N, C-alpha and C. Protein backbone atom coordinates (compact mmCIF):
# COMPACT_ATOMS: atom_id res chain seq x y z
N MET A 1 -17.24 87.29 162.68
CA MET A 1 -17.25 87.58 164.10
C MET A 1 -18.45 86.90 164.76
N GLU A 2 -18.21 86.27 165.87
CA GLU A 2 -19.25 85.55 166.61
C GLU A 2 -20.26 86.52 167.20
N LYS A 3 -21.54 86.16 167.12
CA LYS A 3 -22.59 86.97 167.73
C LYS A 3 -22.86 86.43 169.13
N TYR A 4 -23.02 87.35 170.08
CA TYR A 4 -23.28 86.98 171.47
C TYR A 4 -24.64 87.48 171.89
N LEU A 5 -25.30 86.69 172.73
CA LEU A 5 -26.62 87.03 173.24
C LEU A 5 -26.54 87.35 174.72
N THR A 6 -27.41 88.23 175.18
CA THR A 6 -27.49 88.54 176.60
C THR A 6 -28.37 87.50 177.29
N THR A 7 -28.35 87.53 178.60
CA THR A 7 -29.22 86.63 179.37
C THR A 7 -30.68 86.88 179.02
N GLU A 8 -31.05 88.14 178.84
CA GLU A 8 -32.43 88.49 178.49
C GLU A 8 -32.82 87.94 177.12
N GLU A 9 -31.89 87.97 176.17
CA GLU A 9 -32.18 87.45 174.84
C GLU A 9 -32.34 85.93 174.86
N VAL A 10 -31.51 85.24 175.65
CA VAL A 10 -31.64 83.79 175.77
C VAL A 10 -32.98 83.46 176.44
N ALA A 11 -33.35 84.24 177.44
CA ALA A 11 -34.63 84.03 178.12
C ALA A 11 -35.79 84.18 177.13
N ALA A 12 -35.72 85.19 176.28
CA ALA A 12 -36.78 85.39 175.29
C ALA A 12 -36.85 84.22 174.31
N LEU A 13 -35.69 83.70 173.90
CA LEU A 13 -35.67 82.55 172.98
C LEU A 13 -36.29 81.31 173.60
N THR A 14 -36.10 81.13 174.89
CA THR A 14 -36.60 79.94 175.57
C THR A 14 -37.94 80.17 176.26
N ARG A 15 -38.48 81.37 176.10
CA ARG A 15 -39.75 81.76 176.74
C ARG A 15 -39.70 81.51 178.25
N SER A 16 -38.59 81.94 178.83
CA SER A 16 -38.42 81.83 180.28
C SER A 16 -37.98 83.19 180.81
N THR A 17 -37.64 83.25 182.06
CA THR A 17 -37.19 84.50 182.66
C THR A 17 -35.67 84.54 182.72
N PRO A 18 -35.09 85.74 182.80
CA PRO A 18 -33.63 85.83 182.95
C PRO A 18 -33.13 85.10 184.20
N SER A 19 -33.90 85.12 185.28
CA SER A 19 -33.46 84.42 186.49
C SER A 19 -33.41 82.91 186.27
N THR A 20 -34.30 82.39 185.45
CA THR A 20 -34.27 80.95 185.13
C THR A 20 -33.02 80.62 184.32
N VAL A 21 -32.68 81.47 183.37
CA VAL A 21 -31.46 81.25 182.56
C VAL A 21 -30.24 81.29 183.47
N ARG A 22 -30.19 82.23 184.40
CA ARG A 22 -29.07 82.30 185.35
C ARG A 22 -29.02 81.03 186.22
N TYR A 23 -30.16 80.54 186.65
CA TYR A 23 -30.22 79.31 187.45
C TYR A 23 -29.70 78.13 186.63
N TRP A 24 -30.15 78.00 185.38
CA TRP A 24 -29.67 76.92 184.53
C TRP A 24 -28.15 76.96 184.41
N ARG A 25 -27.60 78.16 184.21
CA ARG A 25 -26.16 78.31 184.08
C ARG A 25 -25.48 77.89 185.39
N HIS A 26 -26.01 78.33 186.50
CA HIS A 26 -25.45 78.00 187.81
C HIS A 26 -25.46 76.49 188.06
N MET A 27 -26.51 75.83 187.64
CA MET A 27 -26.64 74.38 187.84
C MET A 27 -25.92 73.57 186.76
N GLY A 28 -25.36 74.22 185.74
CA GLY A 28 -24.67 73.52 184.67
C GLY A 28 -25.60 72.91 183.64
N LYS A 29 -26.86 73.37 183.62
CA LYS A 29 -27.85 72.81 182.69
C LYS A 29 -28.10 73.71 181.48
N GLY A 30 -27.62 74.92 181.52
CA GLY A 30 -27.88 75.88 180.44
C GLY A 30 -26.71 76.00 179.50
N PRO A 31 -26.82 76.91 178.55
CA PRO A 31 -25.71 77.14 177.63
C PRO A 31 -24.52 77.74 178.38
N ARG A 32 -23.35 77.53 177.85
CA ARG A 32 -22.12 78.04 178.45
C ARG A 32 -22.09 79.57 178.35
N GLY A 33 -21.88 80.23 179.47
CA GLY A 33 -21.80 81.68 179.48
C GLY A 33 -20.37 82.15 179.52
N ILE A 34 -20.14 83.34 178.97
CA ILE A 34 -18.82 83.96 178.96
C ILE A 34 -18.93 85.28 179.70
N LYS A 35 -18.13 85.47 180.72
CA LYS A 35 -18.19 86.69 181.50
C LYS A 35 -17.40 87.79 180.79
N ARG A 36 -18.06 88.90 180.53
CA ARG A 36 -17.44 90.08 179.93
C ARG A 36 -17.74 91.26 180.84
N GLY A 37 -16.76 91.62 181.66
CA GLY A 37 -17.00 92.66 182.66
C GLY A 37 -17.99 92.13 183.69
N LYS A 38 -19.06 92.85 183.89
CA LYS A 38 -20.10 92.43 184.84
C LYS A 38 -21.20 91.61 184.17
N ARG A 39 -21.15 91.51 182.84
CA ARG A 39 -22.21 90.82 182.10
C ARG A 39 -21.80 89.41 181.72
N VAL A 40 -22.80 88.56 181.59
CA VAL A 40 -22.59 87.22 181.06
C VAL A 40 -23.21 87.20 179.68
N LEU A 41 -22.44 86.78 178.71
CA LEU A 41 -22.91 86.68 177.33
C LEU A 41 -22.83 85.23 176.89
N TYR A 42 -23.65 84.90 175.91
CA TYR A 42 -23.74 83.54 175.40
C TYR A 42 -23.48 83.56 173.90
N ALA A 43 -22.50 82.75 173.46
CA ALA A 43 -22.24 82.64 172.03
C ALA A 43 -23.48 82.03 171.37
N GLU A 44 -23.91 82.63 170.28
CA GLU A 44 -25.12 82.17 169.59
C GLU A 44 -25.02 80.70 169.22
N ARG A 45 -23.83 80.26 168.78
CA ARG A 45 -23.67 78.84 168.40
C ARG A 45 -23.80 77.92 169.61
N ASP A 46 -23.34 78.38 170.80
CA ASP A 46 -23.49 77.57 172.01
C ASP A 46 -24.95 77.44 172.41
N VAL A 47 -25.71 78.52 172.26
CA VAL A 47 -27.14 78.49 172.58
C VAL A 47 -27.86 77.55 171.63
N ALA A 48 -27.53 77.64 170.33
CA ALA A 48 -28.17 76.77 169.34
C ALA A 48 -27.85 75.31 169.62
N ALA A 49 -26.60 75.01 169.98
CA ALA A 49 -26.22 73.62 170.28
C ALA A 49 -26.94 73.14 171.54
N TRP A 50 -27.05 73.98 172.55
CA TRP A 50 -27.75 73.62 173.78
C TRP A 50 -29.23 73.35 173.51
N LEU A 51 -29.86 74.19 172.71
CA LEU A 51 -31.27 73.99 172.37
C LEU A 51 -31.46 72.69 171.58
N ALA A 52 -30.55 72.41 170.65
CA ALA A 52 -30.65 71.18 169.87
C ALA A 52 -30.45 69.96 170.77
N GLU A 53 -29.52 70.04 171.71
CA GLU A 53 -29.27 68.95 172.65
C GLU A 53 -30.48 68.72 173.53
N ASP A 54 -31.11 69.81 173.98
CA ASP A 54 -32.30 69.71 174.82
C ASP A 54 -33.45 69.08 174.04
N ASP A 55 -33.59 69.44 172.76
CA ASP A 55 -34.63 68.83 171.92
C ASP A 55 -34.40 67.34 171.77
N ASP A 56 -33.14 66.92 171.59
CA ASP A 56 -32.83 65.50 171.46
C ASP A 56 -33.17 64.75 172.74
N ALA A 57 -32.92 65.35 173.89
CA ALA A 57 -33.22 64.70 175.18
C ALA A 57 -34.73 64.58 175.37
N THR A 58 -35.49 65.58 174.92
CA THR A 58 -36.94 65.56 175.05
C THR A 58 -37.55 64.45 174.18
N VAL A 59 -37.02 64.29 172.97
CA VAL A 59 -37.52 63.27 172.05
C VAL A 59 -37.21 61.88 172.59
N ALA A 60 -36.04 61.70 173.20
CA ALA A 60 -35.64 60.39 173.69
C ALA A 60 -36.41 59.97 174.94
N ALA A 61 -36.94 60.93 175.66
CA ALA A 61 -37.65 60.62 176.92
C ALA A 61 -39.00 60.01 176.71
């Protein structure tokens, strides 16, 4: 079964605020979110892939 993270958990992983994670999602720059009721959850594998992609972009710059 896939593990899902909350916006707060993603914020803690990235050392940012939940509002920043929401902004990234809104702008299409963050991990893909899945709406479950009133909450947005993030598949752990999607967050890991997004973080790895972001690391690759940082190294290339």
